[in-house]
Amino acid sequence: MRRYDDPVEVRRGPVGEGALDAGGPEQFLWRGRLWKVYSVVAHWVETGPWWQSADARAVLGSDAVTTGRDLNAEREVWRVEAGRGVLGRGVFDLSFDWAQGDWRLARAVD
């Protein structure tokens, strides 16, 4: 699986036949190409690396400098199977950052 940190535009809607959840990615635009989501493989929420927070460093007695990121921020990750017409399909991890309000492509197997 290749890692990315590319911005994507996502259109939300129902995915797959008889889908009841209208909140997942239905299509996404990545590098000028439109991908249609055929199925949601998995969906989860990730939190920031809390172990790098100032409070955790104080408990450990460490003076290490953190990255300056919001360590309590959450991002929602959708692992989807998507394709572009007859070119075949791939599996992609699309993440939505609640703090930033943006979508990114995190990983791909295509």
PDB file of N, CA and C in Angstrom:
ATOM      1  N   MET A   1       0.851  -1.167   0.000  1.00  0.00           N
ATOM      2  CA  MET A   1       0.000   0.000   0.000  1.00  0.00           C
ATOM      3  C   MET A   1       0.898   1.232   0.000  1.00  0.00           C
ATOM      4  N   ARG A   2       0.688   2.112  -0.954  1.00  0.00           N
ATOM      5  CA  ARG A   2       1.471   3.348  -1.035  1.00  0.00           C
ATOM      6  C   ARG A   2       0.831   4.433  -0.187  1.00  0.00           C
ATOM      7  N   ARG A   3       1.676   5.234   0.456  1.00  0.00           N
ATOM      8  CA  ARG A   3       1.199   6.338   1.301  1.00  0.00           C
ATOM      9  C   ARG A   3       1.207   7.640   0.512  1.00  0.00           C
ATOM     10  N   TYR A   4       0.181   8.445   0.773  1.00  0.00           N
ATOM     11  CA  TYR A   4       0.056   9.760   0.154  1.00  0.00           C
ATOM     12  C   TYR A   4      -0.400  10.746   1.221  1.00  0.00           C
ATOM     13  N   ASP A   5      -0.352  11.998   0.881  1.00  0.00           N
ATOM     14  CA  ASP A   5      -0.937  13.063   1.701  1.00  0.00           C
ATOM     15  C   ASP A   5      -1.471  14.119   0.735  1.00  0.00           C
ATOM     16  N   ASP A   6      -2.264  13.648  -0.234  1.00  0.00           N
ATOM     17  CA  ASP A   6      -2.755  14.509  -1.311  1.00  0.00           C
ATOM     18  C   ASP A   6      -4.163  15.013  -1.013  1.00  0.00           C
ATOM     19  N   PRO A   7      -4.416  16.279  -1.289  1.00  0.00           N
ATOM     20  CA  PRO A   7      -5.784  16.780  -1.133  1.00  0.00           C
ATOM     21  C   PRO A   7      -6.688  16.169  -2.202  1.00  0.00           C
ATOM     22  N   VAL A   8      -7.932  15.870  -1.828  1.00  0.00           N
ATOM     23  CA  VAL A   8      -8.927  15.361  -2.762  1.00  0.00           C
ATOM     24  C   VAL A   8     -10.247  16.079  -2.510  1.00  0.00           C
ATOM     25  N   GLU A   9     -11.047  16.157  -3.549  1.00  0.00           N
ATOM     26  CA  GLU A   9     -12.410  16.663  -3.409  1.00  0.00           C
ATOM     27  C   GLU A   9     -13.323  15.452  -3.341  1.00  0.00           C
ATOM     28  N   VAL A  10     -14.228  15.449  -2.366  1.00  0.00           N
ATOM     29  CA  VAL A  10     -15.095  14.294  -2.153  1.00  0.00           C
ATOM     30  C   VAL A  10     -16.552  14.707  -2.242  1.00  0.00           C
ATOM     31  N   ARG A  11     -17.320  13.895  -2.955  1.00  0.00           N
ATOM     32  CA  ARG A  11     -18.774  14.045  -2.980  1.00  0.00           C
ATOM     33  C   ARG A  11     -19.344  12.910  -2.152  1.00  0.00           C
ATOM     34  N   ARG A  12     -20.129  13.280  -1.142  1.00  0.00           N
ATOM     35  CA  ARG A  12     -20.726  12.268  -0.269  1.00  0.00           C
ATOM     36  C   ARG A  12     -22.073  11.829  -0.799  1.00  0.00           C
ATOM     37  N   GLY A  13     -22.426  10.583  -0.513  1.00  0.00           N
ATOM     38  CA  GLY A  13     -23.713  10.048  -0.923  1.00  0.00           C
ATOM     39  C   GLY A  13     -23.772   8.565  -0.638  1.00  0.00           C
ATOM     40  N   PRO A  14     -24.862   7.909  -1.041  1.00  0.00           N
ATOM     41  CA  PRO A  14     -24.984   6.463  -0.816  1.00  0.00           C
ATOM     42  C   PRO A  14     -23.990   5.696  -1.676  1.00  0.00           C
ATOM     43  N   VAL A  15     -23.451   4.617  -1.123  1.00  0.00           N
ATOM     44  CA  VAL A  15     -22.459   3.812  -1.839  1.00  0.00           C
ATOM     45  C   VAL A  15     -22.958   2.376  -1.926  1.00  0.00           C
ATOM     46  N   GLY A  16     -22.906   1.811  -3.098  1.00  0.00           N
ATOM     47  CA  GLY A  16     -23.299   0.419  -3.292  1.00  0.00           C
ATOM     48  C   GLY A  16     -24.804   0.248  -3.401  1.00  0.00           C
ATOM     49  N   GLU A  17     -25.209  -0.965  -3.711  1.00  0.00           N
ATOM     50  CA  GLU A  17     -26.621  -1.263  -3.880  1.00  0.00           C
ATOM     51  C   GLU A  17     -27.327  -1.289  -2.528  1.00  0.00           C
ATOM     52  N   GLY A  18     -28.459  -0.610  -2.440  1.00  0.00           N
ATOM     53  CA  GLY A  18     -29.254  -0.606  -1.215  1.00  0.00           C
ATOM     54  C   GLY A  18     -28.587   0.084  -0.047  1.00  0.00           C
ATOM     55  N   ALA A  19     -27.646   0.989  -0.312  1.00  0.00           N
ATOM     56  CA  ALA A  19     -26.923   1.669   0.774  1.00  0.00           C
ATOM     57  C   ALA A  19     -27.864   2.564   1.565  1.00  0.00           C
ATOM     58  N   LEU A  20     -27.783   2.468   2.871  1.00  0.00           N
ATOM     59  CA  LEU A  20     -28.613   3.290   3.744  1.00  0.00           C
ATOM     60  C   LEU A  20     -27.858   4.511   4.252  1.00  0.00           C
ATOM     61  N   ASP A  21     -26.536   4.443   4.304  1.00  0.00           N
ATOM     62  CA  ASP A  21     -25.714   5.539   4.814  1.00  0.00           C
ATOM     63  C   ASP A  21     -25.387   6.509   3.690  1.00  0.00           C
ATOM     64  N   ALA A  22     -25.901   7.734   3.787  1.00  0.00           N
ATOM     65  CA  ALA A  22     -25.656   8.736   2.750  1.00  0.00           C
ATOM     66  C   ALA A  22     -24.455   9.606   3.085  1.00  0.00           C
ATOM     67  N   GLY A  23     -23.698   9.274   4.128  1.00  0.00           N
ATOM     68  CA  GLY A  23     -22.614  10.133   4.565  1.00  0.00           C
ATOM     69  C   GLY A  23     -21.235   9.764   4.080  1.00  0.00           C
ATOM     70  N   GLY A  24     -21.082   8.635   3.419  1.00  0.00           N
ATOM     71  CA  GLY A  24     -19.764   8.209   2.981  1.00  0.00           C
ATOM     72  C   GLY A  24     -19.373   8.781   1.638  1.00  0.00           C
ATOM     73  N   PRO A  25     -18.113   8.630   1.270  1.00  0.00           N
ATOM     74  CA  PRO A  25     -17.653   9.117  -0.030  1.00  0.00           C
ATOM     75  C   PRO A  25     -18.320   8.334  -1.167  1.00  0.00           C
ATOM     76  N   GLU A  26     -18.883   9.059  -2.122  1.00  0.00           N
ATOM     77  CA  GLU A  26     -19.512   8.448  -3.285  1.00  0.00           C
ATOM     78  C   GLU A  26     -18.598   8.562  -4.504  1.00  0.00           C
ATOM     79  N   GLN A  27     -17.889   9.696  -4.601  1.00  0.00           N
ATOM     80  CA  GLN A  27     -16.922   9.953  -5.665  1.00  0.00           C
ATOM     81  C   GLN A  27     -15.814  10.816  -5.079  1.00  0.00           C
ATOM     82  N   PHE A  28     -14.624  10.751  -5.710  1.00  0.00           N
ATOM     83  CA  PHE A  28     -13.574  11.685  -5.314  1.00  0.00           C
ATOM     84  C   PHE A  28     -12.732  12.062  -6.522  1.00  0.00           C
ATOM     85  N   LEU A  29     -12.236  13.271  -6.475  1.00  0.00           N
ATOM     86  CA  LEU A  29     -11.397  13.822  -7.536  1.00  0.00           C
ATOM     87  C   LEU A  29      -9.968  13.875  -7.010  1.00  0.00           C
ATOM     88  N   TRP A  30      -9.086  13.116  -7.658  1.00  0.00           N
ATOM     89  CA  TRP A  30      -7.686  13.037  -7.232  1.00  0.00           C
ATOM     90  C   TRP A  30      -6.797  13.239  -8.449  1.00  0.00           C
ATOM     91  N   ARG A  31      -5.941  14.253  -8.366  1.00  0.00           N
ATOM     92  CA  ARG A  31      -5.007  14.578  -9.445  1.00  0.00           C
ATOM     93  C   ARG A  31      -5.726  14.756 -10.790  1.00  0.00           C
ATOM     94  N   GLY A  32      -6.874  15.421 -10.727  1.00  0.00           N
ATOM     95  CA  GLY A  32      -7.623  15.716 -11.939  1.00  0.00           C
ATOM     96  C   GLY A  32      -8.426  14.563 -12.508  1.00  0.00           C
ATOM     97  N   ARG A  33      -8.493  13.453 -11.792  1.00  0.00           N
ATOM     98  CA  ARG A  33      -9.225  12.284 -12.275  1.00  0.00           C
ATOM     99  C   ARG A  33     -10.357  11.948 -11.312  1.00  0.00           C
ATOM    100  N   LEU A  34     -11.515  11.638 -11.873  1.00  0.00           N
ATOM    101  CA  LEU A  34     -12.691  11.316 -11.072  1.00  0.00           C
ATOM    102  C   LEU A  34     -12.756   9.818 -10.823  1.00  0.00           C
ATOM    103  N   TRP A  35     -12.898   9.447  -9.547  1.00  0.00           N
ATOM    104  CA  TRP A  35     -13.000   8.050  -9.136  1.00  0.00           C
ATOM    105  C   TRP A  35     -14.388   7.821  -8.551  1.00  0.00           C
ATOM    106  N   LYS A  36     -15.032   6.721  -8.959  1.00  0.00           N
ATOM    107  CA  LYS A  36     -16.339   6.346  -8.419  1.00  0.00           C
ATOM    108  C   LYS A  36     -16.133   5.289  -7.344  1.00  0.00           C
ATOM    109  N   VAL A  37     -16.763   5.496  -6.191  1.00  0.00           N
ATOM    110  CA  VAL A  37     -16.670   4.541  -5.086  1.00  0.00           C
ATOM    111  C   VAL A  37     -17.725   3.454  -5.295  1.00  0.00           C
ATOM    112  N   TYR A  38     -17.264   2.205  -5.336  1.00  0.00           N
ATOM    113  CA  TYR A  38     -18.164   1.067  -5.517  1.00  0.00           C
ATOM    114  C   TYR A  38     -18.568   0.438  -4.190  1.00  0.00           C
ATOM    115  N   SER A  39     -17.677   0.488  -3.213  1.00  0.00           N
ATOM    116  CA  SER A  39     -18.020  -0.071  -1.897  1.00  0.00           C
ATOM    117  C   SER A  39     -17.131   0.532  -0.815  1.00  0.00           C
ATOM    118  N   VAL A  40     -17.667   0.547   0.386  1.00  0.00           N
ATOM    119  CA  VAL A  40     -16.895   0.953   1.566  1.00  0.00           C
ATOM    120  C   VAL A  40     -16.389  -0.328   2.205  1.00  0.00           C
ATOM    121  N   VAL A  41     -15.069  -0.472   2.261  1.00  0.00           N
ATOM    122  CA  VAL A  41     -14.444  -1.665   2.823  1.00  0.00           C
ATOM    123  C   VAL A  41     -14.397  -1.568   4.346  1.00  0.00           C
ATOM    124  N   ALA A  42     -14.063  -0.372   4.859  1.00  0.00           N
ATOM    125  CA  ALA A  42     -13.979  -0.154   6.308  1.00  0.00           C
ATOM    126  C   ALA A  42     -14.126   1.344   6.588  1.00  0.00           C
ATOM    127  N   HIS A  43     -14.436   1.652   7.835  1.00  0.00           N
ATOM    128  CA  HIS A  43     -14.618   3.038   8.262  1.00  0.00           C
ATOM    129  C   HIS A  43     -14.229   3.117   9.733  1.00  0.00           C
ATOM    130  N   TRP A  44     -13.336   4.068  10.089  1.00  0.00           N
ATOM    131  CA  TRP A  44     -12.909   4.212  11.473  1.00  0.00           C
ATOM    132  C   TRP A  44     -12.493   5.648  11.750  1.00  0.00           C
ATOM    133  N   VAL A  45     -12.245   5.943  13.034  1.00  0.00           N
ATOM    134  CA  VAL A  45     -11.800   7.268  13.468  1.00  0.00           C
ATOM    135  C   VAL A  45     -10.429   7.124  14.113  1.00  0.00           C
ATOM    136  N   GLU A  46      -9.495   7.998  13.718  1.00  0.00           N
ATOM    137  CA  GLU A  46      -8.144   8.011  14.303  1.00  0.00           C
ATOM    138  C   GLU A  46      -7.957   9.280  15.113  1.00  0.00           C
ATOM    139  N   THR A  47      -7.238   9.171  16.215  1.00  0.00           N
ATOM    140  CA  THR A  47      -6.917  10.343  17.020  1.00  0.00           C
ATOM    141  C   THR A  47      -5.451  10.704  16.829  1.00  0.00           C
ATOM    142  N   GLY A  48      -5.090  11.911  17.268  1.00  0.00           N
ATOM    143  CA  GLY A  48      -3.702  12.356  17.182  1.00  0.00           C
ATOM    144  C   GLY A  48      -2.815  11.586  18.144  1.00  0.00           C
ATOM    145  N   PRO A  49      -1.504  11.708  17.998  1.00  0.00           N
ATOM    146  CA  PRO A  49      -0.561  10.994  18.879  1.00  0.00           C
ATOM    147  C   PRO A  49      -0.511  11.628  20.274  1.00  0.00           C
ATOM    148  N   TRP A  50      -1.467  11.277  21.109  1.00  0.00           N
ATOM    149  CA  TRP A  50      -1.591  11.883  22.441  1.00  0.00           C
ATOM    150  C   TRP A  50      -0.329  11.678  23.285  1.00  0.00           C
ATOM    151  N   TRP A  51       0.422  10.616  23.019  1.00  0.00           N
ATOM    152  CA  TRP A  51       1.627  10.327  23.798  1.00  0.00           C
ATOM    153  C   TRP A  51       2.725  11.360  23.565  1.00  0.00           C
ATOM    154  N   GLN A  52       2.561  12.241  22.552  1.00  0.00           N
ATOM    155  CA  GLN A  52       3.528  13.300  22.309  1.00  0.00           C
ATOM    156  C   GLN A  52       3.085  14.633  22.901  1.00  0.00           C
ATOM    157  N   SER A  53       1.985  14.644  23.642  1.00  0.00           N
ATOM    158  CA  SER A  53       1.467  15.895  24.204  1.00  0.00           C
ATOM    159  C   SER A  53       2.368  16.397  25.328  1.00  0.00           C
ATOM    160  N   ALA A  54       2.218  17.672  25.676  1.00  0.00           N
ATOM    161  CA  ALA A  54       3.009  18.272  26.758  1.00  0.00           C
ATOM    162  C   ALA A  54       2.741  17.556  28.076  1.00  0.00           C
ATOM    163  N   ASP A  55       1.497  17.172  28.330  1.00  0.00           N
ATOM    164  CA  ASP A  55       1.162  16.463  29.570  1.00  0.00           C
ATOM    165  C   ASP A  55       1.866  15.111  29.649  1.00  0.00           C
ATOM    166  N   ALA A  56       1.870  14.358  28.547  1.00  0.00           N
ATOM    167  CA  ALA A  56       2.540  13.059  28.536  1.00  0.00           C
ATOM    168  C   ALA A  56       4.046  13.228  28.719  1.00  0.00           C
ATOM    169  N   ARG A  57       4.632  14.260  28.080  1.00  0.00           N
ATOM    170  CA  ARG A  57       6.071  14.518  28.239  1.00  0.00           C
ATOM    171  C   ARG A  57       6.396  14.864  29.687  1.00  0.00           C
ATOM    172  N   ALA A  58       5.509  15.621  30.345  1.00  0.00           N
ATOM    173  CA  ALA A  58       5.744  15.995  31.740  1.00  0.00           C
ATOM    174  C   ALA A  58       5.755  14.762  32.635  1.00  0.00           C
ATOM    175  N   VAL A  59       4.852  13.842  32.399  1.00  0.00           N
ATOM    176  CA  VAL A  59       4.795  12.617  33.199  1.00  0.00           C
ATOM    177  C   VAL A  59       6.057  11.781  32.993  1.00  0.00           C
ATOM    178  N   LEU A  60       6.536  11.759  31.755  1.00  0.00           N
ATOM    179  CA  LEU A  60       7.725  10.967  31.430  1.00  0.00           C
ATOM    180  C   LEU A  60       9.026  11.687  31.757  1.00  0.00           C
ATOM    181  N   GLY A  61       8.937  13.002  32.059  1.00  0.00           N
ATOM    182  CA  GLY A  61      10.132  13.787  32.338  1.00  0.00           C
ATOM    183  C   GLY A  61      10.948  14.078  31.099  1.00  0.00           C
ATOM    184  N   SER A  62      10.310  14.166  29.959  1.00  0.00           N
ATOM    185  CA  SER A  62      10.996  14.394  28.694  1.00  0.00           C
ATOM    186  C   SER A  62      10.883  15.847  28.277  1.00  0.00           C
ATOM    187  N   ASP A  63      11.946  16.371  27.663  1.00  0.00           N
ATOM    188  CA  ASP A  63      11.941  17.733  27.139  1.00  0.00           C
ATOM    189  C   ASP A  63      11.826  17.745  25.614  1.00  0.00           C
ATOM    190  N   ALA A  64      11.453  16.630  25.027  1.00  0.00           N
ATOM    191  CA  ALA A  64      11.382  16.535  23.566  1.00  0.00           C
ATOM    192  C   ALA A  64      10.369  17.526  23.011  1.00  0.00           C
ATOM    193  N   VAL A  65      10.685  18.074  21.863  1.00  0.00           N
ATOM    194  CA  VAL A  65       9.807  19.041  21.205  1.00  0.00           C
ATOM    195  C   VAL A  65       8.786  18.290  20.369  1.00  0.00           C
ATOM    196  N   THR A  66       7.522  18.704  20.445  1.00  0.00           N
ATOM    197  CA  THR A  66       6.476  18.065  19.647  1.00  0.00           C
ATOM    198  C   THR A  66       6.368  18.732  18.283  1.00  0.00           C
ATOM    199  N   THR A  67       5.513  18.174  17.460  1.00  0.00           N
ATOM    200  CA  THR A  67       5.361  18.650  16.087  1.00  0.00           C
ATOM    201  C   THR A  67       4.513  19.904  15.988  1.00  0.00           C
ATOM    202  N   GLY A  68       3.828  20.304  17.043  1.00  0.00           N
ATOM    203  CA  GLY A  68       2.976  21.472  17.000  1.00  0.00           C
ATOM    204  C   GLY A  68       1.591  21.184  16.459  1.00  0.00           C
ATOM    205  N   ARG A  69       1.307  19.914  16.130  1.00  0.00           N
ATOM    206  CA  ARG A  69      -0.013  19.529  15.645  1.00  0.00           C
ATOM    207  C   ARG A  69      -0.982  19.446  16.810  1.00  0.00           C
ATOM    208  N   ASP A  70      -2.278  19.542  16.482  1.00  0.00           N
ATOM    209  CA  ASP A  70      -3.316  19.358  17.485  1.00  0.00           C
ATOM    210  C   ASP A  70      -3.397  17.870  17.784  1.00  0.00           C
ATOM    211  N   LEU A  71      -2.912  17.475  18.937  1.00  0.00           N
ATOM    212  CA  LEU A  71      -2.797  16.058  19.257  1.00  0.00           C
ATOM    213  C   LEU A  71      -4.119  15.416  19.639  1.00  0.00           C
ATOM    214  N   ASN A  72      -5.127  16.222  19.900  1.00  0.00           N
ATOM    215  CA  ASN A  72      -6.436  15.682  20.231  1.00  0.00           C
ATOM    216  C   ASN A  72      -7.359  15.661  19.016  1.00  0.00           C
ATOM    217  N   ALA A  73      -6.858  16.082  17.881  1.00  0.00           N
ATOM    218  CA  ALA A  73      -7.669  16.142  16.671  1.00  0.00           C
ATOM    219  C   ALA A  73      -8.030  14.732  16.204  1.00  0.00           C
ATOM    220  N   GLU A  74      -9.206  14.626  15.644  1.00  0.00           N
ATOM    221  CA  GLU A  74      -9.641  13.352  15.097  1.00  0.00           C
ATOM    222  C   GLU A  74      -9.768  13.459  13.590  1.00  0.00           C
ATOM    223  N   ARG A  75      -9.562  12.338  12.938  1.00  0.00           N
ATOM    224  CA  ARG A  75      -9.838  12.278  11.515  1.00  0.00           C
ATOM    225  C   ARG A  75     -10.591  10.984  11.254  1.00  0.00           C
ATOM    226  N   GLU A  76     -11.543  11.098  10.361  1.00  0.00           N
ATOM    227  CA  GLU A  76     -12.375   9.975   9.980  1.00  0.00           C
ATOM    228  C   GLU A  76     -11.768   9.358   8.728  1.00  0.00           C
ATOM    229  N   VAL A  77     -11.588   8.045   8.721  1.00  0.00           N
ATOM    230  CA  VAL A  77     -10.961   7.371   7.585  1.00  0.00           C
ATOM    231  C   VAL A  77     -11.971   6.410   6.956  1.00  0.00           C
ATOM    232  N   TRP A  78     -12.042   6.490   5.638  1.00  0.00           N
ATOM    233  CA  TRP A  78     -12.908   5.604   4.864  1.00  0.00           C
ATOM    234  C   TRP A  78     -12.022   4.802   3.922  1.00  0.00           C
ATOM    235  N   ARG A  79     -11.999   3.484   4.052  1.00  0.00           N
ATOM    236  CA  ARG A  79     -11.296   2.622   3.099  1.00  0.00           C
ATOM    237  C   ARG A  79     -12.335   2.200   2.066  1.00  0.00           C
ATOM    238  N   VAL A  80     -12.093   2.577   0.823  1.00  0.00           N
ATOM    239  CA  VAL A  80     -13.089   2.357  -0.220  1.00  0.00           C
ATOM    240  C   VAL A  80     -12.490   1.619  -1.409  1.00  0.00           C
ATOM    241  N   GLU A  81     -13.337   0.898  -2.119  1.00  0.00           N
ATOM    242  CA  GLU A  81     -12.964   0.330  -3.405  1.00  0.00           C
ATOM    243  C   GLU A  81     -13.529   1.275  -4.452  1.00  0.00           C
ATOM    244  N   ALA A  82     -12.664   1.778  -5.321  1.00  0.00           N
ATOM    245  CA  ALA A  82     -13.083   2.758  -6.321  1.00  0.00           C
ATOM    246  C   ALA A  82     -12.433   2.463  -7.658  1.00  0.00           C
ATOM    247  N   GLY A  83     -13.039   3.000  -8.706  1.00  0.00           N
ATOM    248  CA  GLY A  83     -12.503   2.784 -10.040  1.00  0.00           C
ATOM    249  C   GLY A  83     -12.796   3.944 -10.964  1.00  0.00           C
ATOM    250  N   ARG A  84     -12.110   3.910 -12.119  1.00  0.00           N
ATOM    251  CA  ARG A  84     -12.294   4.928 -13.161  1.00  0.00           C
ATOM    252  C   ARG A  84     -12.687   4.223 -14.446  1.00  0.00           C
ATOM    253  N   GLY A  85     -13.955   3.935 -14.604  1.00  0.00           N
ATOM    254  CA  GLY A  85     -14.418   3.295 -15.832  1.00  0.00           C
ATOM    255  C   GLY A  85     -13.878   1.896 -15.994  1.00  0.00           C
ATOM    256  N   VAL A  86     -13.356   1.609 -17.181  1.00  0.00           N
ATOM    257  CA  VAL A  86     -12.884   0.265 -17.505  1.00  0.00           C
ATOM    258  C   VAL A  86     -11.435   0.023 -17.089  1.00  0.00           C
ATOM    259  N   LEU A  87     -10.815   0.986 -16.441  1.00  0.00           N
ATOM    260  CA  LEU A  87      -9.392   0.874 -16.093  1.00  0.00           C
ATOM    261  C   LEU A  87      -9.126   0.019 -14.863  1.00  0.00           C
ATOM    262  N   GLY A  88     -10.144  -0.551 -14.286  1.00  0.00           N
ATOM    263  CA  GLY A  88      -9.947  -1.379 -13.107  1.00  0.00           C
ATOM    264  C   GLY A  88     -10.235  -0.624 -11.836  1.00  0.00           C
ATOM    265  N   ARG A  89     -10.064  -1.315 -10.745  1.00  0.00           N
ATOM    266  CA  ARG A  89     -10.393  -0.746  -9.441  1.00  0.00           C
ATOM    267  C   ARG A  89      -9.189  -0.804  -8.516  1.00  0.00           C
ATOM    268  N   GLY A  90      -9.265  -0.006  -7.464  1.00  0.00           N
ATOM    269  CA  GLY A  90      -8.229   0.004  -6.445  1.00  0.00           C
ATOM    270  C   GLY A  90      -8.852   0.245  -5.085  1.00  0.00           C
ATOM    271  N   VAL A  91      -8.059   0.109  -4.055  1.00  0.00           N
ATOM    272  CA  VAL A  91      -8.503   0.363  -2.684  1.00  0.00           C
ATOM    273  C   VAL A  91      -7.781   1.609  -2.191  1.00  0.00           C
ATOM    274  N   PHE A  92      -8.554   2.552  -1.633  1.00  0.00           N
ATOM    275  CA  PHE A  92      -8.033   3.847  -1.228  1.00  0.00           C
ATOM    276  C   PHE A  92      -8.486   4.176   0.188  1.00  0.00           C
ATOM    277  N   ASP A  93      -7.615   4.823   0.949  1.00  0.00           N
ATOM    278  CA  ASP A  93      -7.984   5.370   2.254  1.00  0.00           C
ATOM    279  C   ASP A  93      -8.162   6.870   2.111  1.00  0.00           C
ATOM    280  N   LEU A  94      -9.403   7.333   2.287  1.00  0.00           N
ATOM    281  CA  LEU A  94      -9.724   8.753   2.242  1.00  0.00           C
ATOM    282  C   LEU A  94      -9.950   9.212   3.666  1.00  0.00           C
ATOM    283  N   SER A  95      -9.290  10.298   4.069  1.00  0.00           N
ATOM    284  CA  SER A  95      -9.447  10.770   5.444  1.00  0.00           C
ATOM    285  C   SER A  95     -10.043  12.173   5.457  1.00  0.00           C
ATOM    286  N   PHE A  96     -10.936  12.380   6.425  1.00  0.00           N
ATOM    287  CA  PHE A  96     -11.540  13.689   6.620  1.00  0.00           C
ATOM    288  C   PHE A  96     -11.062  14.222   7.964  1.00  0.00           C
ATOM    289  N   ASP A  97     -10.367  15.350   7.964  1.00  0.00           N
ATOM    290  CA  ASP A  97      -9.834  15.980   9.166  1.00  0.00           C
ATOM    291  C   ASP A  97     -10.876  16.947   9.711  1.00  0.00           C
ATOM    292  N   TRP A  98     -11.417  16.635  10.884  1.00  0.00           N
ATOM    293  CA  TRP A  98     -12.465  17.467  11.476  1.00  0.00           C
ATOM    294  C   TRP A  98     -11.959  18.856  11.837  1.00  0.00           C
ATOM    295  N   ALA A  99     -10.723  18.972  12.284  1.00  0.00           N
ATOM    296  CA  ALA A  99     -10.181  20.277  12.672  1.00  0.00           C
ATOM    297  C   ALA A  99      -9.967  21.184  11.460  1.00  0.00           C
ATOM    298  N   GLN A 100      -9.481  20.612  10.360  1.00  0.00           N
ATOM    299  CA  GLN A 100      -9.191  21.389   9.152  1.00  0.00           C
ATOM    300  C   GLN A 100     -10.390  21.476   8.208  1.00  0.00           C
ATOM    301  N   GLY A 101     -11.281  20.487   8.293  1.00  0.00           N
ATOM    302  CA  GLY A 101     -12.435  20.459   7.407  1.00  0.00           C
ATOM    303  C   GLY A 101     -12.088  20.063   5.979  1.00  0.00           C
ATOM    304  N   ASP A 102     -11.023  19.268   5.805  1.00  0.00           N
ATOM    305  CA  ASP A 102     -10.638  18.890   4.449  1.00  0.00           C
ATOM    306  C   ASP A 102     -10.429  17.385   4.305  1.00  0.00           C
ATOM    307  N   TRP A 103     -10.508  16.934   3.062  1.00  0.00           N
ATOM    308  CA  TRP A 103     -10.307  15.534   2.707  1.00  0.00           C
ATOM    309  C   TRP A 103      -8.906  15.351   2.137  1.00  0.00           C
ATOM    310  N   ARG A 104      -8.309  14.174   2.422  1.00  0.00           N
ATOM    311  CA  ARG A 104      -6.999  13.845   1.874  1.00  0.00           C
ATOM    312  C   ARG A 104      -6.986  12.352   1.511  1.00  0.00           C
ATOM    313  N   LEU A 105      -6.202  12.046   0.488  1.00  0.00           N
ATOM    314  CA  LEU A 105      -5.951  10.652   0.161  1.00  0.00           C
ATOM    315  C   LEU A 105      -4.736  10.225   0.972  1.00  0.00           C
ATOM    316  N   ALA A 106      -4.903   9.214   1.817  1.00  0.00           N
ATOM    317  CA  ALA A 106      -3.828   8.791   2.712  1.00  0.00           C
ATOM    318  C   ALA A 106      -3.043   7.603   2.178  1.00  0.00           C
ATOM    319  N   ARG A 107      -3.742   6.636   1.589  1.00  0.00           N
ATOM    320  CA  ARG A 107      -3.086   5.417   1.104  1.00  0.00           C
ATOM    321  C   ARG A 107      -3.833   4.886  -0.125  1.00  0.00           C
ATOM    322  N   ALA A 108      -3.115   4.118  -0.960  1.00  0.00           N
ATOM    323  CA  ALA A 108      -3.742   3.542  -2.145  1.00  0.00           C
ATOM    324  C   ALA A 108      -3.079   2.229  -2.539  1.00  0.00           C
ATOM    325  N   VAL A 109      -3.921   1.294  -2.964  1.00  0.00           N
ATOM    326  CA  VAL A 109      -3.480   0.067  -3.627  1.00  0.00           C
ATOM    327  C   VAL A 109      -4.269   0.019  -4.911  1.00  0.00           C
ATOM    328  N   ASP A 110      -3.612   0.343  -6.020  1.00  0.00           N
ATOM    329  CA  ASP A 110      -4.342   0.379  -7.291  1.00  0.00           C
ATOM    330  C   ASP A 110      -3.634  -0.429  -8.351  1.00  0.00           C
TER     331      ASP A 110
END
